[in-house]
């Protein structure tokens, strides 16, 4: 991942509750001290998502890491947990941050 570059990640959401439901994703950035440098431009976590029983769909997230990210940060991990179920597994996006001038 190169700071300043726009990225898109797709997450698969699947309603396994056995009934229609509405859920909201709860994102987090690890380590939390770098969250200010992580910017989502489009995210399903911005608003509640309604799902029919057993419905599944791909939900996109568009984001970039600020070019001013401190150089000591080598990795970002972005766990996303759903409010659909408190015991639902989290989805993880883990990325290695590369200097801007690297390929």
N, C-alpha and C. Protein backbone atom coordinates (compact mmCIF):
# COMPACT_ATOMS: atom_id res chain seq x y z
N UNK A 1 0.85 -1.16 0.00
CA UNK A 1 0.00 0.00 0.00
C UNK A 1 0.90 1.23 0.00
N UNK A 2 0.60 2.16 -0.87
CA UNK A 2 1.39 3.38 -0.97
C UNK A 2 0.57 4.57 -0.48
N UNK A 3 1.06 5.31 0.51
CA UNK A 3 0.33 6.48 1.00
C UNK A 3 0.00 7.44 -0.14
N UNK A 4 -1.22 7.97 -0.10
CA UNK A 4 -1.68 8.91 -1.10
C UNK A 4 -2.43 8.25 -2.25
N UNK A 5 -2.28 6.96 -2.43
CA UNK A 5 -2.95 6.24 -3.51
C UNK A 5 -4.33 5.78 -3.05
N UNK A 6 -5.33 5.91 -3.94
CA UNK A 6 -6.69 5.47 -3.63
C UNK A 6 -6.80 3.96 -3.85
N UNK A 7 -7.40 3.26 -2.90
CA UNK A 7 -7.58 1.81 -2.97
C UNK A 7 -9.05 1.47 -2.80
N UNK A 8 -9.42 0.30 -3.30
CA UNK A 8 -10.76 -0.22 -3.08
C UNK A 8 -10.64 -1.66 -2.60
N UNK A 9 -11.42 -1.98 -1.58
CA UNK A 9 -11.48 -3.35 -1.05
C UNK A 9 -12.95 -3.76 -1.02
N UNK A 10 -13.23 -4.99 -1.37
CA UNK A 10 -14.59 -5.52 -1.32
C UNK A 10 -14.71 -6.49 -0.16
N UNK A 11 -15.80 -6.35 0.58
CA UNK A 11 -16.10 -7.24 1.70
C UNK A 11 -17.40 -7.96 1.38
N UNK A 12 -17.45 -9.24 1.69
CA UNK A 12 -18.66 -10.03 1.48
C UNK A 12 -19.45 -10.06 2.79
N UNK A 13 -20.69 -9.58 2.73
CA UNK A 13 -21.57 -9.62 3.90
C UNK A 13 -22.64 -10.68 3.64
N UNK A 14 -22.93 -11.49 4.65
CA UNK A 14 -23.90 -12.57 4.52
C UNK A 14 -24.76 -12.61 5.78
N UNK A 15 -26.05 -12.48 5.61
CA UNK A 15 -26.97 -12.50 6.74
C UNK A 15 -27.25 -13.96 7.12
N UNK A 16 -26.72 -14.38 8.23
CA UNK A 16 -26.90 -15.74 8.73
C UNK A 16 -27.82 -15.80 9.95
N UNK A 17 -28.57 -14.71 10.20
CA UNK A 17 -29.41 -14.65 11.40
C UNK A 17 -30.67 -15.49 11.31
N UNK A 18 -31.10 -15.87 10.09
CA UNK A 18 -32.33 -16.62 9.93
C UNK A 18 -33.55 -15.74 9.73
N UNK A 19 -33.37 -14.42 9.68
CA UNK A 19 -34.48 -13.49 9.46
C UNK A 19 -33.94 -12.22 8.83
N UNK A 20 -34.84 -11.38 8.30
CA UNK A 20 -34.42 -10.09 7.77
C UNK A 20 -33.82 -9.29 8.91
N UNK A 21 -32.81 -8.49 8.59
CA UNK A 21 -32.16 -7.71 9.64
C UNK A 21 -31.48 -6.48 9.07
N UNK A 22 -31.16 -5.57 9.93
CA UNK A 22 -30.36 -4.40 9.58
C UNK A 22 -29.14 -4.40 10.48
N UNK A 23 -28.00 -4.15 9.88
CA UNK A 23 -26.74 -4.18 10.64
C UNK A 23 -25.89 -2.98 10.27
N UNK A 24 -24.96 -2.67 11.13
CA UNK A 24 -24.01 -1.58 10.88
C UNK A 24 -22.62 -2.11 11.18
N UNK A 25 -21.71 -1.91 10.24
CA UNK A 25 -20.32 -2.32 10.44
C UNK A 25 -19.64 -1.32 11.36
N UNK A 26 -18.75 -1.83 12.19
CA UNK A 26 -18.02 -0.99 13.13
C UNK A 26 -16.53 -1.13 12.80
N UNK A 27 -15.97 -0.14 12.09
CA UNK A 27 -14.56 -0.23 11.71
C UNK A 27 -13.64 0.26 12.82
N UNK A 28 -12.42 -0.14 12.73
CA UNK A 28 -11.38 0.28 13.67
C UNK A 28 -10.06 0.22 12.91
N UNK A 29 -9.08 0.96 13.35
CA UNK A 29 -7.75 0.93 12.75
C UNK A 29 -6.77 0.55 13.83
N UNK A 30 -5.86 -0.36 13.52
CA UNK A 30 -4.84 -0.80 14.46
C UNK A 30 -3.48 -0.58 13.82
N UNK A 31 -2.55 0.09 14.46
CA UNK A 31 -2.65 0.71 15.79
C UNK A 31 -3.53 1.96 15.74
N UNK A 32 -4.30 2.17 16.80
CA UNK A 32 -5.28 3.26 16.83
C UNK A 32 -4.65 4.64 16.69
N UNK A 33 -3.40 4.78 17.07
CA UNK A 33 -2.76 6.10 16.98
C UNK A 33 -2.55 6.56 15.54
N UNK A 34 -2.72 5.68 14.55
CA UNK A 34 -2.57 6.08 13.16
C UNK A 34 -3.92 6.26 12.45
N UNK A 35 -5.01 6.12 13.18
CA UNK A 35 -6.35 6.23 12.56
C UNK A 35 -6.55 7.58 11.89
N UNK A 36 -5.95 8.63 12.37
CA UNK A 36 -6.12 9.96 11.78
C UNK A 36 -5.55 10.04 10.37
N UNK A 37 -4.70 9.11 9.99
CA UNK A 37 -4.09 9.11 8.66
C UNK A 37 -4.79 8.15 7.69
N UNK A 38 -5.82 7.48 8.14
CA UNK A 38 -6.58 6.53 7.32
C UNK A 38 -7.91 7.19 6.95
N UNK A 39 -8.17 7.37 5.66
CA UNK A 39 -9.34 8.10 5.22
C UNK A 39 -10.22 7.24 4.31
N UNK A 40 -11.46 7.02 4.72
CA UNK A 40 -12.42 6.30 3.90
C UNK A 40 -13.20 7.33 3.07
N UNK A 41 -13.25 7.13 1.74
CA UNK A 41 -14.02 8.03 0.89
C UNK A 41 -15.39 7.43 0.58
N UNK A 42 -15.51 6.13 0.67
CA UNK A 42 -16.78 5.42 0.50
C UNK A 42 -16.72 4.18 1.37
N UNK A 43 -17.75 3.95 2.17
CA UNK A 43 -17.73 2.78 3.06
C UNK A 43 -19.14 2.38 3.45
N UNK A 44 -19.42 1.10 3.40
CA UNK A 44 -20.71 0.58 3.87
C UNK A 44 -20.88 0.81 5.35
N UNK A 45 -19.80 1.13 6.04
CA UNK A 45 -19.88 1.37 7.48
C UNK A 45 -20.46 2.76 7.81
N UNK A 46 -20.66 3.61 6.79
CA UNK A 46 -21.21 4.94 7.02
C UNK A 46 -22.69 4.92 7.40
N UNK A 47 -23.39 3.85 7.02
CA UNK A 47 -24.83 3.80 7.32
C UNK A 47 -25.26 2.35 7.52
N UNK A 48 -26.40 2.14 8.21
CA UNK A 48 -26.91 0.79 8.41
C UNK A 48 -27.23 0.12 7.07
N UNK A 49 -27.04 -1.19 7.01
CA UNK A 49 -27.30 -1.98 5.81
C UNK A 49 -28.42 -2.98 6.13
N UNK A 50 -29.45 -3.00 5.29
CA UNK A 50 -30.55 -3.95 5.48
C UNK A 50 -30.32 -5.18 4.60
N UNK A 51 -30.59 -6.35 5.18
CA UNK A 51 -30.40 -7.63 4.50
C UNK A 51 -31.63 -8.50 4.67
N UNK A 52 -32.05 -9.13 3.59
CA UNK A 52 -33.09 -10.16 3.67
C UNK A 52 -32.46 -11.41 4.28
N UNK A 53 -33.31 -12.32 4.75
CA UNK A 53 -32.81 -13.58 5.30
C UNK A 53 -31.92 -14.28 4.28
N UNK A 54 -30.73 -14.67 4.68
CA UNK A 54 -29.74 -15.39 3.88
C UNK A 54 -29.17 -14.58 2.71
N UNK A 55 -29.48 -13.28 2.64
CA UNK A 55 -28.92 -12.45 1.57
C UNK A 55 -27.43 -12.25 1.78
N UNK A 56 -26.71 -12.26 0.68
CA UNK A 56 -25.30 -11.89 0.73
C UNK A 56 -25.00 -10.94 -0.41
N UNK A 57 -24.07 -10.03 -0.16
CA UNK A 57 -23.66 -9.11 -1.22
C UNK A 57 -22.28 -8.57 -0.92
N UNK A 58 -21.65 -8.09 -1.98
CA UNK A 58 -20.33 -7.50 -1.88
C UNK A 58 -20.50 -6.02 -1.57
N UNK A 59 -19.76 -5.55 -0.57
CA UNK A 59 -19.83 -4.15 -0.15
C UNK A 59 -18.44 -3.53 -0.32
N UNK A 60 -18.33 -2.46 -1.12
CA UNK A 60 -17.03 -1.86 -1.37
C UNK A 60 -16.64 -0.81 -0.33
N UNK A 61 -15.35 -0.65 -0.18
CA UNK A 61 -14.77 0.42 0.64
C UNK A 61 -13.68 1.06 -0.20
N UNK A 62 -13.71 2.37 -0.29
CA UNK A 62 -12.63 3.10 -0.98
C UNK A 62 -11.92 3.93 0.08
N UNK A 63 -10.60 3.91 0.04
CA UNK A 63 -9.83 4.57 1.08
C UNK A 63 -8.43 4.94 0.59
N UNK A 64 -7.77 5.80 1.34
CA UNK A 64 -6.36 6.10 1.11
C UNK A 64 -5.70 6.38 2.45
N UNK A 65 -4.41 6.20 2.47
CA UNK A 65 -3.61 6.51 3.64
C UNK A 65 -2.91 7.83 3.35
N UNK A 66 -3.03 8.76 4.27
CA UNK A 66 -2.45 10.09 4.11
C UNK A 66 -0.94 9.99 3.88
N UNK A 67 -0.41 10.74 2.92
CA UNK A 67 1.03 10.72 2.67
C UNK A 67 1.86 11.20 3.86
N UNK A 68 1.23 11.89 4.81
CA UNK A 68 1.94 12.36 5.99
C UNK A 68 2.02 11.31 7.10
N UNK A 69 1.62 10.08 6.80
CA UNK A 69 1.70 8.99 7.78
C UNK A 69 3.14 8.90 8.30
N UNK A 70 3.34 8.86 9.62
CA UNK A 70 4.70 8.78 10.15
C UNK A 70 5.45 7.57 9.61
N UNK A 71 6.72 7.74 9.35
CA UNK A 71 7.54 6.69 8.73
C UNK A 71 7.71 5.47 9.63
N UNK A 72 7.48 5.60 10.93
CA UNK A 72 7.64 4.44 11.82
C UNK A 72 6.50 3.43 11.68
N UNK A 73 5.42 3.79 10.98
CA UNK A 73 4.29 2.89 10.80
C UNK A 73 4.57 1.98 9.61
N UNK A 74 4.66 0.68 9.87
CA UNK A 74 4.95 -0.28 8.82
C UNK A 74 3.75 -1.09 8.38
N UNK A 75 2.74 -1.21 9.24
CA UNK A 75 1.54 -1.99 8.92
C UNK A 75 0.31 -1.31 9.48
N UNK A 76 -0.81 -1.48 8.78
CA UNK A 76 -2.12 -1.08 9.27
C UNK A 76 -3.00 -2.32 9.26
N UNK A 77 -3.81 -2.49 10.27
CA UNK A 77 -4.80 -3.55 10.29
C UNK A 77 -6.15 -2.90 10.52
N UNK A 78 -7.12 -3.29 9.72
CA UNK A 78 -8.44 -2.69 9.79
C UNK A 78 -9.47 -3.76 10.05
N UNK A 79 -9.79 -4.04 11.33
CA UNK A 79 -10.85 -5.00 11.62
C UNK A 79 -12.23 -4.34 11.48
N UNK A 80 -13.16 -5.06 10.88
CA UNK A 80 -14.53 -4.57 10.76
C UNK A 80 -15.44 -5.62 11.39
N UNK A 81 -16.23 -5.20 12.34
CA UNK A 81 -17.15 -6.10 13.03
C UNK A 81 -18.57 -5.60 12.77
N UNK A 82 -19.50 -6.51 12.63
CA UNK A 82 -20.89 -6.16 12.35
C UNK A 82 -21.70 -6.14 13.63
N UNK A 83 -22.70 -5.27 13.65
CA UNK A 83 -23.64 -5.26 14.78
C UNK A 83 -24.72 -6.31 14.58
N UNK A 84 -24.68 -7.06 13.44
CA UNK A 84 -25.68 -8.10 13.18
C UNK A 84 -25.63 -9.16 14.27
N UNK A 85 -24.43 -9.43 14.76
CA UNK A 85 -24.27 -10.42 15.82
C UNK A 85 -23.04 -10.05 16.63
N UNK A 86 -23.15 -9.97 17.95
CA UNK A 86 -21.99 -9.61 18.77
C UNK A 86 -20.89 -10.67 18.73
N UNK A 87 -21.23 -11.87 18.30
CA UNK A 87 -20.21 -12.92 18.24
C UNK A 87 -19.78 -13.22 16.81
N UNK A 88 -20.26 -12.41 15.86
CA UNK A 88 -19.87 -12.61 14.46
C UNK A 88 -18.37 -12.38 14.31
N UNK A 89 -17.73 -13.17 13.47
CA UNK A 89 -16.30 -12.97 13.27
C UNK A 89 -16.02 -11.63 12.61
N UNK A 90 -14.92 -11.04 12.96
CA UNK A 90 -14.51 -9.79 12.33
C UNK A 90 -13.86 -10.11 10.99
N UNK A 91 -13.93 -9.16 10.09
CA UNK A 91 -13.22 -9.23 8.83
C UNK A 91 -12.00 -8.34 8.96
N UNK A 92 -10.87 -8.77 8.44
CA UNK A 92 -9.63 -8.04 8.62
C UNK A 92 -9.03 -7.64 7.29
N UNK A 93 -8.59 -6.42 7.18
CA UNK A 93 -7.80 -5.95 6.06
C UNK A 93 -6.45 -5.57 6.65
N UNK A 94 -5.40 -6.29 6.27
CA UNK A 94 -4.07 -5.99 6.79
C UNK A 94 -3.19 -5.60 5.61
N UNK A 95 -2.49 -4.50 5.73
CA UNK A 95 -1.68 -4.01 4.63
C UNK A 95 -0.33 -3.52 5.13
N UNK A 96 0.68 -3.78 4.32
CA UNK A 96 2.01 -3.25 4.59
C UNK A 96 2.08 -1.87 3.94
N UNK A 97 2.53 -0.88 4.68
CA UNK A 97 2.63 0.48 4.16
C UNK A 97 4.03 0.66 3.59
N UNK A 98 4.10 1.08 2.33
CA UNK A 98 5.36 1.30 1.65
C UNK A 98 5.61 2.79 1.51
N UNK A 99 6.88 3.19 1.47
CA UNK A 99 7.17 4.60 1.24
C UNK A 99 6.57 5.04 -0.09
N UNK A 100 6.22 6.31 -0.21
CA UNK A 100 5.58 6.83 -1.42
C UNK A 100 6.39 6.57 -2.67
N UNK A 101 7.71 6.65 -2.60
CA UNK A 101 8.51 6.54 -3.80
C UNK A 101 8.88 5.09 -4.14
N UNK A 102 8.35 4.12 -3.42
CA UNK A 102 8.63 2.71 -3.71
C UNK A 102 7.58 2.14 -4.64
N UNK A 103 7.90 1.07 -5.30
CA UNK A 103 6.93 0.37 -6.16
C UNK A 103 6.27 -0.74 -5.39
